[in-house]
């Protein structure tokens, strides 16, 4: 069963120099379990492969039912050095929320 992240989570993103972070917050405990199981650093790296991240790290924040993803070297120089329209990575969260995860129907 395929589900988009936007169906069970929220997100926010921003820049850290040439790096970007995306915070993904689950709507509830069940959604957090889905994110924990299915939204890996590897899947996020694959999803954003066109931006050529040098690495993607996932940091769990169970107290607020969230994960923070740090994507290194994805902003083409960052806010003051990039010619990209979104040089600060503000739209990356919206892009990630469109990701479809292939979920086991029993886990939903």
Foldseek 3Di string as FASTA:
>chain_A
DKDFLLVFWAKWKWADFQKMKMKIAGNDDLRLVCCVPWVAQVVLCVLLCVLPFPGWDWDDDVVRSMIMIMTHRRQCGADVRDPDPCSTCGCVRVSRRRDMTDDDVVSD
